[in-house]
Amino acid sequence: MSDKISSVLHDATISVVTVDWARAVVTVRLTLCDDGTPEAELVVTGFTDVQLPRREPWGPSVSVNEATVSTDPLLGKQLHLQLQSGDILRVEAASIAFIRSDRPGAVVL
């Protein structure tokens, strides 16, 4: 699934990242590069660690270069979004869902 999500999210633009501390939910809102530039969300629930650096070592950018989702037996699901700025957003959580505005339902990653 990591290869598939990376190809879908490559060049997507991140518009908003929200952290709902009380509910332990991180939401990443994106605009995809598909036909019609649909909106999408990554909804990460039950998070235990969130890293949102904004150092921009490659220069400013809000576009995704690469996305990976993996599962660690001890840490749970891990989402890594490498931006074209060189920053890597990391979230460890119980579950990760991908929701597109142009398609019904969510895909659990």
N, C-alpha and C. Protein backbone atom coordinates (compact mmCIF):
# COMPACT_ATOMS: atom_id res chain seq x y z
N MET A 1 0.82 -1.20 0.00
CA MET A 1 0.00 0.00 0.00
C MET A 1 0.86 1.26 0.00
N SER A 2 2.06 1.19 0.56
CA SER A 2 2.91 2.38 0.60
C SER A 2 3.22 2.91 -0.78
N ASP A 3 3.53 2.00 -1.73
CA ASP A 3 3.83 2.45 -3.09
C ASP A 3 2.62 3.13 -3.71
N LYS A 4 1.45 2.55 -3.49
CA LYS A 4 0.24 3.11 -4.07
C LYS A 4 -0.08 4.48 -3.47
N ILE A 5 0.00 4.62 -2.15
CA ILE A 5 -0.32 5.90 -1.53
C ILE A 5 0.73 6.94 -1.90
N SER A 6 1.98 6.53 -2.05
CA SER A 6 3.01 7.48 -2.45
C SER A 6 2.75 8.02 -3.84
N SER A 7 2.30 7.17 -4.76
CA SER A 7 2.03 7.65 -6.12
C SER A 7 0.80 8.55 -6.14
N VAL A 8 -0.19 8.28 -5.31
CA VAL A 8 -1.39 9.12 -5.25
C VAL A 8 -1.07 10.48 -4.64
N LEU A 9 -0.20 10.49 -3.62
CA LEU A 9 0.08 11.73 -2.90
C LEU A 9 1.25 12.53 -3.47
N HIS A 10 2.02 11.95 -4.39
CA HIS A 10 3.15 12.69 -4.95
C HIS A 10 2.65 13.99 -5.59
N ASP A 11 3.27 15.09 -5.24
CA ASP A 11 2.93 16.44 -5.71
C ASP A 11 1.63 16.99 -5.13
N ALA A 12 0.96 16.26 -4.24
CA ALA A 12 -0.21 16.82 -3.57
C ALA A 12 0.23 18.00 -2.71
N THR A 13 -0.67 18.95 -2.52
CA THR A 13 -0.37 20.15 -1.74
C THR A 13 -1.04 20.03 -0.38
N ILE A 14 -0.26 20.18 0.68
CA ILE A 14 -0.81 20.17 2.03
C ILE A 14 -1.35 21.55 2.34
N SER A 15 -2.62 21.62 2.75
CA SER A 15 -3.20 22.92 3.08
C SER A 15 -3.29 23.14 4.59
N VAL A 16 -3.67 22.09 5.34
CA VAL A 16 -3.86 22.24 6.78
C VAL A 16 -3.49 20.93 7.47
N VAL A 17 -2.80 21.06 8.60
CA VAL A 17 -2.57 19.92 9.49
C VAL A 17 -3.16 20.30 10.84
N THR A 18 -4.10 19.48 11.33
CA THR A 18 -4.69 19.76 12.64
C THR A 18 -4.38 18.62 13.60
N VAL A 19 -4.17 18.99 14.84
CA VAL A 19 -3.95 18.02 15.91
C VAL A 19 -5.06 18.23 16.93
N ASP A 20 -5.91 17.24 17.07
CA ASP A 20 -6.97 17.27 18.08
C ASP A 20 -6.46 16.45 19.26
N TRP A 21 -5.89 17.15 20.22
CA TRP A 21 -5.23 16.49 21.34
C TRP A 21 -6.22 15.65 22.16
N ALA A 22 -7.39 16.20 22.43
CA ALA A 22 -8.37 15.50 23.27
C ALA A 22 -8.83 14.19 22.64
N ARG A 23 -8.98 14.17 21.33
CA ARG A 23 -9.45 12.98 20.63
C ARG A 23 -8.31 12.12 20.09
N ALA A 24 -7.07 12.61 20.19
CA ALA A 24 -5.88 11.91 19.68
C ALA A 24 -5.99 11.65 18.17
N VAL A 25 -6.37 12.72 17.43
CA VAL A 25 -6.54 12.61 15.98
C VAL A 25 -5.72 13.69 15.28
N VAL A 26 -4.96 13.28 14.28
CA VAL A 26 -4.25 14.21 13.41
C VAL A 26 -4.91 14.12 12.04
N THR A 27 -5.25 15.27 11.47
CA THR A 27 -5.86 15.32 10.14
C THR A 27 -4.96 16.14 9.22
N VAL A 28 -4.62 15.57 8.07
CA VAL A 28 -3.83 16.27 7.07
C VAL A 28 -4.73 16.49 5.87
N ARG A 29 -5.02 17.76 5.56
CA ARG A 29 -5.85 18.09 4.39
C ARG A 29 -4.94 18.40 3.21
N LEU A 30 -5.30 17.82 2.05
CA LEU A 30 -4.47 17.94 0.86
C LEU A 30 -5.32 18.23 -0.37
N THR A 31 -4.67 18.79 -1.36
CA THR A 31 -5.25 18.89 -2.70
C THR A 31 -4.41 17.99 -3.59
N LEU A 32 -5.05 16.99 -4.21
CA LEU A 32 -4.34 16.03 -5.05
C LEU A 32 -4.06 16.62 -6.43
N CYS A 33 -3.17 15.96 -7.16
CA CYS A 33 -2.82 16.41 -8.51
C CYS A 33 -3.59 15.67 -9.60
N ASP A 34 -4.57 14.86 -9.20
CA ASP A 34 -5.39 14.13 -10.18
C ASP A 34 -6.24 15.11 -10.99
N ASP A 35 -6.90 14.59 -12.02
CA ASP A 35 -7.83 15.40 -12.81
C ASP A 35 -8.83 16.07 -11.89
N GLY A 36 -8.99 17.37 -12.03
CA GLY A 36 -9.94 18.11 -11.22
C GLY A 36 -9.40 18.49 -9.85
N THR A 37 -8.17 18.12 -9.55
CA THR A 37 -7.51 18.40 -8.27
C THR A 37 -8.45 18.20 -7.07
N PRO A 38 -8.88 16.96 -6.83
CA PRO A 38 -9.78 16.71 -5.71
C PRO A 38 -9.10 16.94 -4.36
N GLU A 39 -9.92 17.25 -3.38
CA GLU A 39 -9.45 17.39 -2.00
C GLU A 39 -9.37 15.99 -1.38
N ALA A 40 -8.51 15.87 -0.37
CA ALA A 40 -8.37 14.59 0.33
C ALA A 40 -7.94 14.84 1.76
N GLU A 41 -8.09 13.83 2.59
CA GLU A 41 -7.64 13.90 3.98
C GLU A 41 -6.98 12.59 4.38
N LEU A 42 -5.93 12.71 5.15
CA LEU A 42 -5.37 11.59 5.88
C LEU A 42 -5.82 11.79 7.32
N VAL A 43 -6.56 10.83 7.85
CA VAL A 43 -7.06 10.93 9.22
C VAL A 43 -6.35 9.86 10.05
N VAL A 44 -5.55 10.33 10.99
CA VAL A 44 -4.70 9.45 11.78
C VAL A 44 -5.26 9.44 13.20
N THR A 45 -5.75 8.28 13.65
CA THR A 45 -6.42 8.22 14.96
C THR A 45 -5.59 7.43 15.97
N GLY A 46 -5.77 7.82 17.22
CA GLY A 46 -5.05 7.16 18.31
C GLY A 46 -3.55 7.43 18.25
N PHE A 47 -3.17 8.68 17.94
CA PHE A 47 -1.74 8.96 17.78
C PHE A 47 -1.00 8.90 19.11
N THR A 48 0.25 8.46 19.03
CA THR A 48 1.13 8.42 20.20
C THR A 48 2.36 9.31 20.01
N ASP A 49 2.64 9.70 18.78
CA ASP A 49 3.78 10.58 18.50
C ASP A 49 3.50 11.36 17.22
N VAL A 50 3.79 12.65 17.26
CA VAL A 50 3.62 13.52 16.11
C VAL A 50 4.86 14.38 15.97
N GLN A 51 5.44 14.42 14.77
CA GLN A 51 6.60 15.27 14.49
C GLN A 51 6.28 16.08 13.24
N LEU A 52 6.28 17.40 13.39
CA LEU A 52 5.93 18.30 12.30
C LEU A 52 7.02 19.35 12.10
N PRO A 53 8.21 18.94 11.69
CA PRO A 53 9.28 19.92 11.51
C PRO A 53 9.01 20.84 10.31
N ARG A 54 9.49 22.06 10.40
CA ARG A 54 9.38 23.01 9.29
C ARG A 54 10.72 23.73 9.15
N ARG A 55 11.75 22.96 8.88
CA ARG A 55 13.10 23.52 8.73
C ARG A 55 13.42 23.88 7.28
N GLU A 56 12.74 23.25 6.35
CA GLU A 56 12.86 23.51 4.91
C GLU A 56 14.31 23.46 4.41
N PRO A 57 15.02 22.34 4.63
CA PRO A 57 16.42 22.26 4.20
C PRO A 57 16.61 22.34 2.68
N TRP A 58 15.58 21.99 1.90
CA TRP A 58 15.67 22.06 0.44
C TRP A 58 15.00 23.31 -0.11
N GLY A 59 14.52 24.18 0.76
CA GLY A 59 13.80 25.38 0.35
C GLY A 59 12.31 25.22 0.64
N PRO A 60 11.55 26.32 0.59
CA PRO A 60 10.13 26.27 0.93
C PRO A 60 9.31 25.42 -0.04
N SER A 61 8.39 24.65 0.51
CA SER A 61 7.44 23.87 -0.30
C SER A 61 6.36 23.32 0.60
N VAL A 62 5.15 23.19 0.07
CA VAL A 62 4.04 22.56 0.78
C VAL A 62 3.56 21.31 0.02
N SER A 63 4.38 20.83 -0.92
CA SER A 63 4.02 19.68 -1.74
C SER A 63 4.68 18.41 -1.24
N VAL A 64 3.96 17.30 -1.40
CA VAL A 64 4.46 15.99 -0.97
C VAL A 64 5.41 15.43 -2.02
N ASN A 65 6.55 14.96 -1.58
CA ASN A 65 7.50 14.27 -2.45
C ASN A 65 7.24 12.77 -2.40
N GLU A 66 7.12 12.24 -1.19
CA GLU A 66 6.95 10.79 -1.00
C GLU A 66 6.13 10.55 0.26
N ALA A 67 5.30 9.53 0.21
CA ALA A 67 4.48 9.15 1.36
C ALA A 67 4.63 7.66 1.61
N THR A 68 4.80 7.29 2.87
CA THR A 68 4.88 5.88 3.22
C THR A 68 4.03 5.61 4.46
N VAL A 69 3.45 4.43 4.48
CA VAL A 69 2.72 3.94 5.64
C VAL A 69 3.30 2.57 5.95
N SER A 70 3.67 2.38 7.21
CA SER A 70 4.21 1.08 7.61
C SER A 70 3.60 0.69 8.95
N THR A 71 3.82 -0.56 9.32
CA THR A 71 3.31 -1.05 10.60
C THR A 71 4.47 -1.63 11.39
N ASP A 72 4.60 -1.17 12.62
CA ASP A 72 5.61 -1.68 13.53
C ASP A 72 4.87 -2.43 14.64
N PRO A 73 5.30 -3.65 14.99
CA PRO A 73 4.57 -4.42 16.01
C PRO A 73 4.49 -3.70 17.36
N LEU A 74 5.46 -2.88 17.68
CA LEU A 74 5.46 -2.17 18.96
C LEU A 74 4.86 -0.77 18.88
N LEU A 75 5.06 -0.08 17.77
CA LEU A 75 4.65 1.32 17.65
C LEU A 75 3.33 1.51 16.92
N GLY A 76 2.86 0.50 16.23
CA GLY A 76 1.61 0.61 15.47
C GLY A 76 1.86 1.16 14.08
N LYS A 77 0.88 1.82 13.52
CA LYS A 77 0.98 2.40 12.17
C LYS A 77 1.90 3.62 12.21
N GLN A 78 2.65 3.79 11.14
CA GLN A 78 3.53 4.95 11.01
C GLN A 78 3.30 5.60 9.66
N LEU A 79 3.02 6.89 9.68
CA LEU A 79 2.86 7.68 8.47
C LEU A 79 4.05 8.61 8.35
N HIS A 80 4.73 8.57 7.19
CA HIS A 80 5.83 9.49 6.89
C HIS A 80 5.47 10.24 5.61
N LEU A 81 5.42 11.56 5.70
CA LEU A 81 5.21 12.40 4.52
C LEU A 81 6.46 13.24 4.32
N GLN A 82 7.23 12.90 3.30
CA GLN A 82 8.40 13.71 2.96
C GLN A 82 7.93 14.81 2.03
N LEU A 83 8.14 16.05 2.44
CA LEU A 83 7.75 17.18 1.61
C LEU A 83 8.88 17.55 0.67
N GLN A 84 8.56 18.30 -0.37
CA GLN A 84 9.58 18.74 -1.31
C GLN A 84 10.48 19.82 -0.71
N SER A 85 10.19 20.20 0.52
CA SER A 85 11.07 21.10 1.28
C SER A 85 12.18 20.31 1.98
N GLY A 86 12.05 18.98 2.00
CA GLY A 86 13.01 18.12 2.69
C GLY A 86 12.56 17.74 4.09
N ASP A 87 11.53 18.40 4.61
CA ASP A 87 10.99 18.04 5.92
C ASP A 87 10.23 16.72 5.83
N ILE A 88 10.22 15.96 6.92
CA ILE A 88 9.46 14.72 6.98
C ILE A 88 8.50 14.81 8.16
N LEU A 89 7.20 14.78 7.84
CA LEU A 89 6.17 14.76 8.86
C LEU A 89 5.96 13.30 9.26
N ARG A 90 5.99 13.04 10.57
CA ARG A 90 5.87 11.66 11.06
C ARG A 90 4.77 11.58 12.10
N VAL A 91 3.95 10.52 11.98
CA VAL A 91 2.90 10.28 12.97
C VAL A 91 2.84 8.78 13.24
N GLU A 92 2.85 8.42 14.53
CA GLU A 92 2.62 7.04 14.95
C GLU A 92 1.23 6.98 15.56
N ALA A 93 0.46 5.95 15.19
CA ALA A 93 -0.93 5.91 15.64
C ALA A 93 -1.51 4.51 15.53
N ALA A 94 -2.73 4.39 16.02
CA ALA A 94 -3.44 3.11 15.95
C ALA A 94 -3.94 2.82 14.54
N SER A 95 -4.42 3.87 13.84
CA SER A 95 -4.95 3.64 12.50
C SER A 95 -4.79 4.89 11.62
N ILE A 96 -4.79 4.66 10.31
CA ILE A 96 -4.66 5.73 9.33
C ILE A 96 -5.68 5.47 8.23
N ALA A 97 -6.46 6.50 7.90
CA ALA A 97 -7.46 6.39 6.82
C ALA A 97 -7.21 7.48 5.80
N PHE A 98 -7.48 7.15 4.53
CA PHE A 98 -7.33 8.09 3.42
C PHE A 98 -8.71 8.32 2.82
N ILE A 99 -9.13 9.58 2.77
CA ILE A 99 -10.47 9.93 2.28
C ILE A 99 -10.33 10.93 1.14
N ARG A 100 -10.94 10.61 0.00
CA ARG A 100 -10.94 11.52 -1.17
C ARG A 100 -12.32 12.13 -1.32
N SER A 101 -12.37 13.40 -1.69
CA SER A 101 -13.66 14.08 -1.85
C SER A 101 -14.41 13.58 -3.08
N ASP A 102 -13.70 13.01 -4.04
CA ASP A 102 -14.35 12.57 -5.28
C ASP A 102 -14.70 11.08 -5.30
N ARG A 103 -14.51 10.39 -4.17
CA ARG A 103 -14.83 8.96 -4.09
C ARG A 103 -15.48 8.66 -2.75
N PRO A 104 -16.46 7.77 -2.73
CA PRO A 104 -17.14 7.47 -1.46
C PRO A 104 -16.28 6.63 -0.54
N GLY A 105 -16.44 6.84 0.76
CA GLY A 105 -15.80 6.02 1.76
C GLY A 105 -14.34 6.34 2.00
N ALA A 106 -13.81 5.67 3.00
CA ALA A 106 -12.40 5.84 3.38
C ALA A 106 -11.65 4.56 3.09
N VAL A 107 -10.38 4.71 2.79
CA VAL A 107 -9.49 3.56 2.61
C VAL A 107 -8.60 3.49 3.84
N VAL A 108 -8.66 2.37 4.55
CA VAL A 108 -7.83 2.18 5.73
C VAL A 108 -6.46 1.71 5.27
N LEU A 109 -5.43 2.44 5.68
CA LEU A 109 -4.07 2.12 5.25
C LEU A 109 -3.36 1.23 6.25
